[in-house]
Each structure stands twice: as structure tokens, then as C-alpha cells.
N, C-alpha and C. Protein backbone atom coordinates (compact mmCIF):
# COMPACT_ATOMS: atom_id res chain seq x y z
N LEU A 1 -187.94 4.24 -66.42
CA LEU A 1 -186.48 3.97 -66.43
C LEU A 1 -185.90 4.16 -65.05
N ILE A 2 -186.21 5.25 -64.38
CA ILE A 2 -185.67 5.56 -63.09
C ILE A 2 -186.15 4.49 -62.06
N ASP A 3 -187.40 4.23 -62.06
CA ASP A 3 -187.95 3.21 -61.08
C ASP A 3 -187.35 1.87 -61.31
N SER A 4 -187.08 1.45 -62.56
CA SER A 4 -186.53 0.11 -62.86
C SER A 4 -185.12 0.06 -62.35
N ILE A 5 -184.41 1.15 -62.24
CA ILE A 5 -183.05 1.16 -61.73
C ILE A 5 -183.08 1.34 -60.23
N PHE A 6 -183.91 2.21 -59.72
CA PHE A 6 -183.97 2.57 -58.32
C PHE A 6 -184.34 1.42 -57.43
N LYS A 7 -185.47 0.81 -57.60
CA LYS A 7 -185.98 -0.32 -56.82
C LYS A 7 -185.75 -0.17 -55.30
N GLY A 8 -185.82 1.09 -54.86
CA GLY A 8 -185.67 1.34 -53.40
C GLY A 8 -184.25 1.48 -52.93
N ASN A 9 -183.28 1.37 -53.81
CA ASN A 9 -181.88 1.40 -53.41
C ASN A 9 -181.27 2.68 -54.00
N VAL A 10 -181.12 3.70 -53.19
CA VAL A 10 -180.53 5.01 -53.62
C VAL A 10 -179.09 4.85 -54.11
N ASP A 11 -178.28 3.93 -53.54
CA ASP A 11 -176.94 3.78 -53.97
C ASP A 11 -176.84 3.31 -55.43
N THR A 12 -177.79 2.44 -55.82
CA THR A 12 -177.80 1.97 -57.20
C THR A 12 -178.11 3.12 -58.09
N LEU A 13 -179.06 3.95 -57.71
CA LEU A 13 -179.49 5.12 -58.46
C LEU A 13 -178.29 6.03 -58.66
N LEU A 14 -177.54 6.36 -57.57
CA LEU A 14 -176.41 7.21 -57.69
C LEU A 14 -175.30 6.70 -58.54
N SER A 15 -175.02 5.41 -58.40
CA SER A 15 -173.94 4.80 -59.21
C SER A 15 -174.29 4.74 -60.67
N HIS A 16 -175.57 4.62 -61.01
CA HIS A 16 -176.00 4.54 -62.37
C HIS A 16 -176.03 5.94 -63.06
N PHE A 17 -176.53 6.93 -62.35
CA PHE A 17 -176.79 8.25 -62.98
C PHE A 17 -175.66 9.26 -62.81
N PHE A 18 -174.76 9.07 -61.82
CA PHE A 18 -173.71 10.03 -61.58
C PHE A 18 -172.34 9.46 -61.68
N ASP A 19 -171.43 10.27 -62.15
CA ASP A 19 -170.01 9.79 -62.34
C ASP A 19 -169.27 9.91 -61.02
N ASP A 20 -168.01 9.57 -61.03
CA ASP A 20 -167.21 9.55 -59.78
C ASP A 20 -166.99 10.91 -59.21
N ASN A 21 -167.16 11.94 -59.97
CA ASN A 21 -167.04 13.35 -59.50
C ASN A 21 -168.33 13.89 -58.98
N GLY A 22 -169.42 13.10 -59.04
CA GLY A 22 -170.76 13.50 -58.58
C GLY A 22 -171.60 14.24 -59.61
N PHE A 23 -171.14 14.33 -60.85
CA PHE A 23 -171.92 14.95 -61.87
C PHE A 23 -172.81 13.88 -62.60
N ILE A 24 -173.91 14.36 -63.07
CA ILE A 24 -174.85 13.46 -63.80
C ILE A 24 -174.17 12.98 -65.02
N ALA A 25 -174.26 11.72 -65.34
CA ALA A 25 -173.54 11.10 -66.40
C ALA A 25 -174.55 10.46 -67.42
N PHE A 26 -175.80 10.81 -67.30
CA PHE A 26 -176.88 10.17 -68.12
C PHE A 26 -177.80 11.25 -68.57
N GLU A 27 -178.17 11.27 -69.83
CA GLU A 27 -179.10 12.28 -70.30
C GLU A 27 -180.54 11.90 -69.99
N LEU A 28 -181.24 12.80 -69.34
CA LEU A 28 -182.62 12.51 -68.94
C LEU A 28 -183.55 13.66 -69.51
N SER A 29 -184.78 13.36 -69.70
CA SER A 29 -185.73 14.36 -70.02
C SER A 29 -185.97 15.24 -68.81
N TYR A 30 -186.56 16.40 -69.03
CA TYR A 30 -186.83 17.36 -67.95
C TYR A 30 -187.68 16.71 -66.82
N ASP A 31 -188.69 15.95 -67.20
CA ASP A 31 -189.54 15.31 -66.20
C ASP A 31 -188.81 14.20 -65.46
N GLU A 32 -187.94 13.43 -66.15
CA GLU A 32 -187.15 12.45 -65.51
C GLU A 32 -186.17 13.03 -64.54
N GLU A 33 -185.58 14.17 -64.93
CA GLU A 33 -184.61 14.88 -64.09
C GLU A 33 -185.37 15.34 -62.80
N LYS A 34 -186.51 15.89 -62.93
CA LYS A 34 -187.32 16.36 -61.78
C LYS A 34 -187.57 15.21 -60.84
N TYR A 35 -187.97 14.03 -61.41
CA TYR A 35 -188.26 12.92 -60.64
C TYR A 35 -187.06 12.39 -59.91
N LEU A 36 -185.90 12.35 -60.58
CA LEU A 36 -184.63 11.92 -59.98
C LEU A 36 -184.29 12.85 -58.77
N ILE A 37 -184.40 14.13 -58.99
CA ILE A 37 -184.18 15.12 -57.89
C ILE A 37 -185.10 14.86 -56.73
N ASP A 38 -186.32 14.58 -56.99
CA ASP A 38 -187.34 14.31 -55.93
C ASP A 38 -186.95 13.09 -55.12
N ILE A 39 -186.61 12.04 -55.80
CA ILE A 39 -186.15 10.77 -55.09
C ILE A 39 -184.90 11.05 -54.27
N LEU A 40 -183.91 11.72 -54.84
CA LEU A 40 -182.71 12.03 -54.08
C LEU A 40 -183.03 12.88 -52.87
N TYR A 41 -183.86 13.90 -53.02
CA TYR A 41 -184.26 14.79 -51.95
C TYR A 41 -184.88 14.03 -50.83
N ARG A 42 -185.82 13.07 -51.22
CA ARG A 42 -186.49 12.32 -50.17
C ARG A 42 -185.53 11.38 -49.40
N ASN A 43 -184.42 11.09 -50.04
CA ASN A 43 -183.41 10.31 -49.41
C ASN A 43 -182.25 11.14 -48.81
N LYS A 44 -182.54 12.46 -48.62
CA LYS A 44 -181.64 13.40 -48.03
C LYS A 44 -180.32 13.54 -48.77
N ILE A 45 -180.39 13.45 -50.13
CA ILE A 45 -179.21 13.70 -51.00
C ILE A 45 -179.56 14.94 -51.84
N LEU A 46 -178.79 15.98 -51.61
CA LEU A 46 -179.08 17.26 -52.30
C LEU A 46 -178.27 17.33 -53.61
N VAL A 47 -178.89 17.90 -54.62
CA VAL A 47 -178.17 18.10 -55.88
C VAL A 47 -178.23 19.63 -56.16
N ASN A 48 -177.36 20.04 -56.97
CA ASN A 48 -177.28 21.44 -57.43
C ASN A 48 -176.99 21.43 -58.93
N VAL A 49 -177.03 22.63 -59.51
CA VAL A 49 -176.74 22.71 -60.93
C VAL A 49 -175.46 23.54 -61.12
N ALA A 50 -174.50 23.02 -61.88
CA ALA A 50 -173.26 23.70 -62.18
C ALA A 50 -173.58 24.94 -63.01
N CYS A 51 -173.01 26.07 -62.65
CA CYS A 51 -173.29 27.33 -63.30
C CYS A 51 -172.92 27.29 -64.82
N GLU A 52 -171.73 26.82 -65.13
CA GLU A 52 -171.25 26.89 -66.48
C GLU A 52 -171.89 25.85 -67.40
N SER A 53 -171.98 24.61 -66.91
CA SER A 53 -172.43 23.50 -67.75
C SER A 53 -173.94 23.26 -67.66
N GLY A 54 -174.55 23.61 -66.55
CA GLY A 54 -175.90 23.38 -66.34
C GLY A 54 -176.25 21.89 -65.94
N TYR A 55 -175.21 21.15 -65.67
CA TYR A 55 -175.39 19.74 -65.27
C TYR A 55 -175.68 19.65 -63.76
N LEU A 56 -176.46 18.63 -63.45
CA LEU A 56 -176.72 18.36 -62.06
C LEU A 56 -175.47 17.76 -61.38
N TYR A 57 -175.27 18.03 -60.14
CA TYR A 57 -174.23 17.33 -59.38
C TYR A 57 -174.67 17.14 -57.95
N ILE A 58 -174.06 16.20 -57.29
CA ILE A 58 -174.32 15.91 -55.91
C ILE A 58 -173.69 17.04 -55.08
N ASP A 59 -174.48 17.66 -54.24
CA ASP A 59 -174.04 18.77 -53.40
C ASP A 59 -173.71 18.29 -52.01
N ASN A 60 -172.45 18.23 -51.71
CA ASN A 60 -172.01 17.67 -50.40
C ASN A 60 -172.22 18.75 -49.35
């Protein structure tokens, strides 16, 4: 799923999986989430986990 959306374009990945506030807007399995974090990290985009909700968000 992630590779079919990513296709080398990190902006497409961000717009598909994250909302306008930078929070993840798509439910992923644990393995998919790890893979998404890895792709983002390799593209110098850091994510963090919100303490209360446990959701991923883009860390500016």
C-alpha cells in the first residue's frame, strides 16, 4: 500500500497519510507504520508520537 502511493514522491505520501495539522490520518498496521517512519526519516522528515493520543505527527 505505502509503495503504491509513495512512488518516490514524499509529498504524495505526506498528503495521503497526514492531515493538515500534521497528524496521521490513516490507520496502518504496526509494520506499515514502521515502514512509513523509515521512508520519512530517509527523506529527512521526522515524526513523533503525541503523548495523549499515541498518534504519529510530523515533528517540525
